[in-house]
Amino acid sequence: MSTPAEFYNSLPPISKAYGTMCLVATTAFHLGLFPPMYTALIYELVFKHFQVWRLVTNFFFLGKFSINFGIRLLMIARYGVQLEKGVFERRTADFLWMMIFGALTLLVLSAIPLLWTPFLGVSLVFMLLYVWSREFPNAQINLYGLVQLKAFYFPWAMLALDVIFGSQILPDLLGIVAGHLYYFLTVLHPLSTGKNILKTPRWVYPCLCFHFEIPFPSLANKPLITKIKCKIQLMSHLVLAIKSIINLYTVYSL
């Protein structure tokens, strides 16, 4: 039997990084290092006070330490890991792009006043669960030892349990919408038309080259890009992003 350290080290990179950041965020909250509202998604503060970090940090808070928090963290450790090691094996960039696309979709949905929620971490985790249920629809799930059902129905069963236990269902529904949109654009639509309109952008690949030598799609038959080249490309992207932020800040200040 593996030790906790061995289990943690065996986790794939994206699921491990996201789960770790969620755990760190909740731990920091309980230690009194920061109030959650400093990281919440509040669009008025994002656009009027240029607190752009809220567009990212709201995805890392899954709530206080509780049973629900443990369940969401286990979802990342099980279903996120199964996706990354299974369907997305040797496709780390595609898995990261799925997470980014899901986050962007949730941000757009949350911009609608009736669908706004301050923290979208639970929704992003539920998106992972939904995509997993579509990729492994016939897998058997034992729901708390009470009932056994196919994975295809698992997200809806979890949604029903949230209703029974009095938890908010809006984050779950947002995650299902984002997950279905991703699955439709990457699986269902290409099957019916033969065209994939949601390919992983080229700028995602340099983000992974600090630790993984991942080739660009256009260089699939050539040697892998070295880490040095990847770092140079990533730094160029960062410089462009910083310049854009400075320009926006200058315009906002004027």
Protein backbone atom coordinates (compact mmCIF):
# COMPACT_ATOMS: atom_id res chain seq x y z
CA MET A 1 0.00 0.00 0.00
CA SER A 2 1.43 3.38 -1.01
CA THR A 3 2.07 6.15 1.48
CA PRO A 4 0.24 9.52 1.25
CA ALA A 5 3.40 11.08 -0.19
CA GLU A 6 3.68 8.41 -2.87
CA PHE A 7 0.00 8.79 -3.73
CA TYR A 8 0.38 12.57 -4.01
CA ASN A 9 3.47 12.28 -6.22
CA SER A 10 1.68 9.81 -8.48
CA LEU A 11 -1.10 12.28 -9.30
CA PRO A 12 -1.07 13.87 -12.77
CA PRO A 13 0.10 17.50 -12.83
CA ILE A 14 -3.02 19.54 -13.55
CA SER A 15 -5.35 17.72 -11.16
CA LYS A 16 -2.64 17.73 -8.50
CA ALA A 17 -1.96 21.45 -8.91
CA TYR A 18 -5.64 22.43 -8.84
CA GLY A 19 -6.48 20.23 -5.86
CA THR A 20 -3.46 21.52 -3.97
CA MET A 21 -4.40 25.15 -4.58
CA CYS A 22 -7.96 24.50 -3.41
CA LEU A 23 -6.66 22.87 -0.22
CA VAL A 24 -4.18 25.69 0.38
CA ALA A 25 -6.87 28.34 -0.13
CA THR A 26 -9.24 26.78 2.40
CA THR A 27 -6.42 26.16 4.88
CA ALA A 28 -5.29 29.79 4.58
CA PHE A 29 -8.85 30.93 5.23
CA HIS A 30 -9.13 28.85 8.40
CA LEU A 31 -5.76 30.17 9.59
CA GLY A 32 -7.09 33.69 9.22
CA LEU A 33 -4.60 34.67 6.53
CA PHE A 34 -7.26 36.23 4.32
CA PRO A 35 -11.04 36.63 4.17
CA PRO A 36 -12.64 34.79 1.23
CA MET A 37 -14.27 37.96 -0.08
CA TYR A 38 -10.83 39.21 -1.12
CA THR A 39 -10.83 36.45 -3.72
CA ALA A 40 -14.54 36.36 -4.60
CA LEU A 41 -15.82 37.08 -8.10
CA ILE A 42 -17.29 40.58 -7.87
CA TYR A 43 -17.43 42.09 -11.34
CA GLU A 44 -17.88 45.64 -10.07
CA LEU A 45 -14.52 45.45 -8.29
CA VAL A 46 -12.93 43.74 -11.29
CA PHE A 47 -13.84 46.46 -13.77
CA LYS A 48 -14.07 49.59 -11.60
CA HIS A 49 -11.08 48.92 -9.33
CA PHE A 50 -9.07 46.69 -11.66
CA GLN A 51 -8.97 43.76 -9.21
CA VAL A 52 -8.45 41.30 -12.05
CA TRP A 53 -7.10 38.55 -9.78
CA ARG A 54 -10.69 37.82 -8.75
CA LEU A 55 -11.28 36.30 -12.20
CA VAL A 56 -8.85 33.51 -11.20
CA THR A 57 -8.78 33.25 -7.41
CA ASN A 58 -12.51 32.57 -7.07
CA PHE A 59 -11.94 29.10 -8.59
CA PHE A 60 -9.72 27.95 -5.71
CA PHE A 61 -12.13 28.34 -2.79
CA LEU A 62 -14.39 25.31 -2.35
CA GLY A 63 -15.85 26.46 0.95
CA LYS A 64 -14.97 25.89 4.58
CA PHE A 65 -13.65 22.57 5.85
CA SER A 66 -16.72 20.33 5.82
CA ILE A 67 -18.10 17.14 4.35
CA ASN A 68 -18.99 19.00 1.16
CA PHE A 69 -15.44 20.34 0.90
CA GLY A 70 -14.05 16.83 1.31
CA ILE A 71 -16.39 15.46 -1.35
CA ARG A 72 -15.36 18.15 -3.87
CA LEU A 73 -11.68 17.51 -3.17
CA LEU A 74 -12.20 13.77 -3.62
CA MET A 75 -13.93 14.47 -6.94
CA ILE A 76 -10.77 16.16 -8.16
CA ALA A 77 -8.58 13.35 -6.82
CA ARG A 78 -10.70 10.63 -8.42
CA TYR A 79 -12.59 11.85 -11.46
CA GLY A 80 -10.18 14.59 -12.50
CA VAL A 81 -7.29 12.16 -12.15
CA GLN A 82 -9.12 9.44 -14.11
CA LEU A 83 -9.76 11.90 -16.92
CA GLU A 84 -6.18 13.13 -16.99
CA LYS A 85 -4.71 9.63 -16.82
CA GLY A 86 -7.29 8.07 -19.13
CA VAL A 87 -8.92 10.11 -21.88
CA PHE A 88 -6.28 12.85 -21.69
CA GLU A 89 -3.26 10.59 -21.23
CA ARG A 90 -0.23 12.20 -22.92
CA ARG A 91 -2.53 15.15 -23.69
CA THR A 92 -1.80 17.35 -20.70
CA ALA A 93 -2.20 20.54 -22.73
CA ASP A 94 -5.67 19.44 -23.87
CA PHE A 95 -6.69 18.76 -20.27
CA LEU A 96 -5.43 22.18 -19.19
CA TRP A 97 -7.33 23.76 -22.07
CA MET A 98 -10.50 21.97 -20.95
CA MET A 99 -10.06 23.52 -17.49
CA ILE A 100 -9.40 26.97 -18.97
CA PHE A 101 -12.37 26.73 -21.33
CA GLY A 102 -14.59 25.62 -18.46
CA ALA A 103 -13.41 28.52 -16.31
CA LEU A 104 -14.04 31.03 -19.10
CA THR A 105 -17.51 29.58 -19.73
CA LEU A 106 -18.36 29.82 -16.04
CA LEU A 107 -17.15 33.43 -15.91
CA VAL A 108 -19.43 34.31 -18.82
CA LEU A 109 -22.40 32.51 -17.28
CA SER A 110 -21.77 34.14 -13.91
CA ALA A 111 -21.84 37.58 -15.54
CA ILE A 112 -25.61 37.07 -15.90
CA PRO A 113 -27.09 38.55 -12.69
CA LEU A 114 -29.48 35.65 -12.08
CA LEU A 115 -26.61 33.14 -12.43
CA TRP A 116 -23.98 35.04 -10.44
CA THR A 117 -22.15 33.22 -7.69
CA PRO A 118 -19.07 34.58 -5.87
CA PHE A 119 -17.04 31.37 -6.02
CA LEU A 120 -16.94 29.11 -9.07
CA GLY A 121 -14.65 26.39 -7.72
CA VAL A 122 -17.51 24.00 -7.02
CA SER A 123 -18.85 24.61 -10.53
CA LEU A 124 -15.46 23.82 -12.08
CA VAL A 125 -15.21 20.59 -10.08
CA PHE A 126 -18.73 19.65 -11.15
CA MET A 127 -17.74 20.30 -14.76
CA LEU A 128 -14.94 17.73 -14.33
CA LEU A 129 -17.47 15.28 -12.91
CA TYR A 130 -19.86 15.82 -15.81
CA VAL A 131 -17.18 15.37 -18.49
CA TRP A 132 -16.00 12.21 -16.70
CA SER A 133 -19.56 10.85 -16.65
CA ARG A 134 -19.84 11.35 -20.41
CA GLU A 135 -16.45 9.79 -21.13
CA PHE A 136 -17.13 6.77 -18.88
CA PRO A 137 -20.94 6.48 -19.09
CA ASN A 138 -21.12 2.75 -18.26
CA ALA A 139 -18.87 2.81 -15.21
CA GLN A 140 -20.65 1.62 -12.08
CA ILE A 141 -20.88 4.05 -9.16
CA ASN A 142 -21.76 3.05 -5.61
CA LEU A 143 -23.48 6.09 -4.16
CA TYR A 144 -22.66 6.17 -0.43
CA GLY A 145 -23.30 2.43 -0.24
CA LEU A 146 -27.03 3.00 -0.80
CA VAL A 147 -27.57 2.60 -4.51
CA GLN A 148 -25.55 1.59 -7.56
CA LEU A 149 -25.95 3.48 -10.81
CA LYS A 150 -24.18 4.15 -14.07
CA ALA A 151 -21.73 7.03 -14.24
CA PHE A 152 -23.88 8.74 -16.88
CA TYR A 153 -26.45 9.55 -14.17
CA PHE A 154 -23.94 10.35 -11.43
CA PRO A 155 -23.91 14.19 -11.82
CA TRP A 156 -27.69 14.27 -11.62
CA ALA A 157 -27.66 12.04 -8.54
CA MET A 158 -25.18 14.39 -6.85
CA LEU A 159 -27.37 17.33 -7.84
CA ALA A 160 -30.39 15.61 -6.26
CA LEU A 161 -28.42 14.97 -3.06
CA ASP A 162 -27.49 18.65 -2.86
CA VAL A 163 -31.19 19.48 -3.11
CA ILE A 164 -32.02 17.00 -0.33
CA PHE A 165 -29.26 18.28 1.96
CA GLY A 166 -30.18 21.91 1.36
CA SER A 167 -27.02 22.89 -0.51
CA GLN A 168 -27.03 25.44 -3.31
CA ILE A 169 -27.73 23.82 -6.67
CA LEU A 170 -26.76 26.78 -8.88
CA PRO A 171 -23.02 25.96 -8.82
CA ASP A 172 -23.78 22.37 -9.79
CA LEU A 173 -26.03 23.46 -12.66
CA LEU A 174 -23.43 25.90 -13.96
CA GLY A 175 -20.85 23.11 -13.93
CA ILE A 176 -23.18 20.81 -15.88
CA VAL A 177 -23.79 23.52 -18.50
CA ALA A 178 -20.06 24.22 -18.89
CA GLY A 179 -19.24 20.52 -19.04
CA HIS A 180 -21.91 19.78 -21.62
CA LEU A 181 -20.80 22.70 -23.77
CA TYR A 182 -17.22 21.42 -23.76
CA TYR A 183 -18.29 17.83 -24.48
CA PHE A 184 -20.58 18.99 -27.29
CA LEU A 185 -17.88 21.10 -28.97
CA THR A 186 -15.09 18.53 -28.65
CA VAL A 187 -16.92 15.21 -29.07
CA LEU A 188 -20.52 15.43 -30.28
CA HIS A 189 -20.07 18.21 -32.85
CA PRO A 190 -16.91 16.68 -34.42
CA LEU A 191 -18.66 13.29 -34.65
CA SER A 192 -21.57 14.81 -36.59
CA THR A 193 -19.65 17.30 -38.75
CA GLY A 194 -16.05 16.06 -38.76
CA LYS A 195 -14.81 19.47 -37.62
CA ASN A 196 -13.29 20.27 -34.23
CA ILE A 197 -13.91 23.95 -33.53
CA LEU A 198 -12.39 23.87 -30.06
CA LYS A 199 -8.79 22.85 -30.64
CA THR A 200 -6.22 23.56 -27.95
CA PRO A 201 -4.63 26.97 -28.69
CA ARG A 202 -0.89 27.11 -29.34
CA TRP A 203 -0.27 29.41 -26.37
CA VAL A 204 -1.30 26.64 -23.94
CA TYR A 205 1.70 24.45 -24.80
CA PRO A 206 4.49 26.76 -23.57
CA CYS A 207 2.74 26.95 -20.19
CA LEU A 208 3.55 23.26 -19.64
CA CYS A 209 7.14 23.24 -20.83
CA PHE A 210 8.66 24.17 -17.48
CA HIS A 211 8.19 20.56 -16.35
CA PHE A 212 7.10 18.65 -19.46
CA GLU A 213 8.55 18.52 -22.94
CA ILE A 214 5.34 18.76 -24.94
CA PRO A 215 5.51 19.22 -28.72
CA PHE A 216 3.41 21.74 -30.58
CA PRO A 217 0.80 20.16 -32.91
CA SER A 218 2.55 21.58 -35.98
CA LEU A 219 5.84 19.96 -34.88
CA ALA A 220 4.48 16.51 -34.10
CA ASN A 221 6.94 14.75 -36.42
CA LYS A 222 9.93 16.81 -35.33
CA PRO A 223 12.06 16.66 -32.15
CA LEU A 224 10.43 17.93 -28.97
CA ILE A 225 10.82 21.61 -28.16
CA THR A 226 13.47 22.07 -25.52
CA LYS A 227 12.64 23.54 -22.15
CA ILE A 228 14.78 26.61 -22.87
CA LYS A 229 12.82 27.44 -26.01
CA CYS A 230 9.55 26.86 -24.17
CA LYS A 231 10.61 29.20 -21.37
CA ILE A 232 11.55 31.89 -23.87
CA GLN A 233 8.17 31.59 -25.58
CA LEU A 234 6.35 31.62 -22.25
CA MET A 235 8.26 34.72 -21.16
CA SER A 236 7.29 36.46 -24.40
CA HIS A 237 3.64 35.68 -23.69
CA LEU A 238 4.03 37.05 -20.15
CA VAL A 239 5.67 40.23 -21.44
CA LEU A 240 2.81 40.79 -23.88
CA ALA A 241 0.28 40.18 -21.11
CA ILE A 242 2.05 42.64 -18.79
CA LYS A 243 2.15 45.26 -21.56
CA SER A 244 -1.59 44.79 -22.14
CA ILE A 245 -2.31 45.18 -18.43
CA ILE A 246 -0.19 48.36 -18.27
CA ASN A 247 -2.00 49.79 -21.29
CA LEU A 248 -5.38 48.98 -19.76
CA TYR A 249 -4.34 50.52 -16.45
CA THR A 250 -3.13 53.66 -18.25
CA VAL A 251 -6.42 54.01 -20.08
CA TYR A 252 -8.37 53.38 -16.87
CA SER A 253 -6.33 55.99 -14.96
CA LEU A 254 -6.97 58.59 -17.61
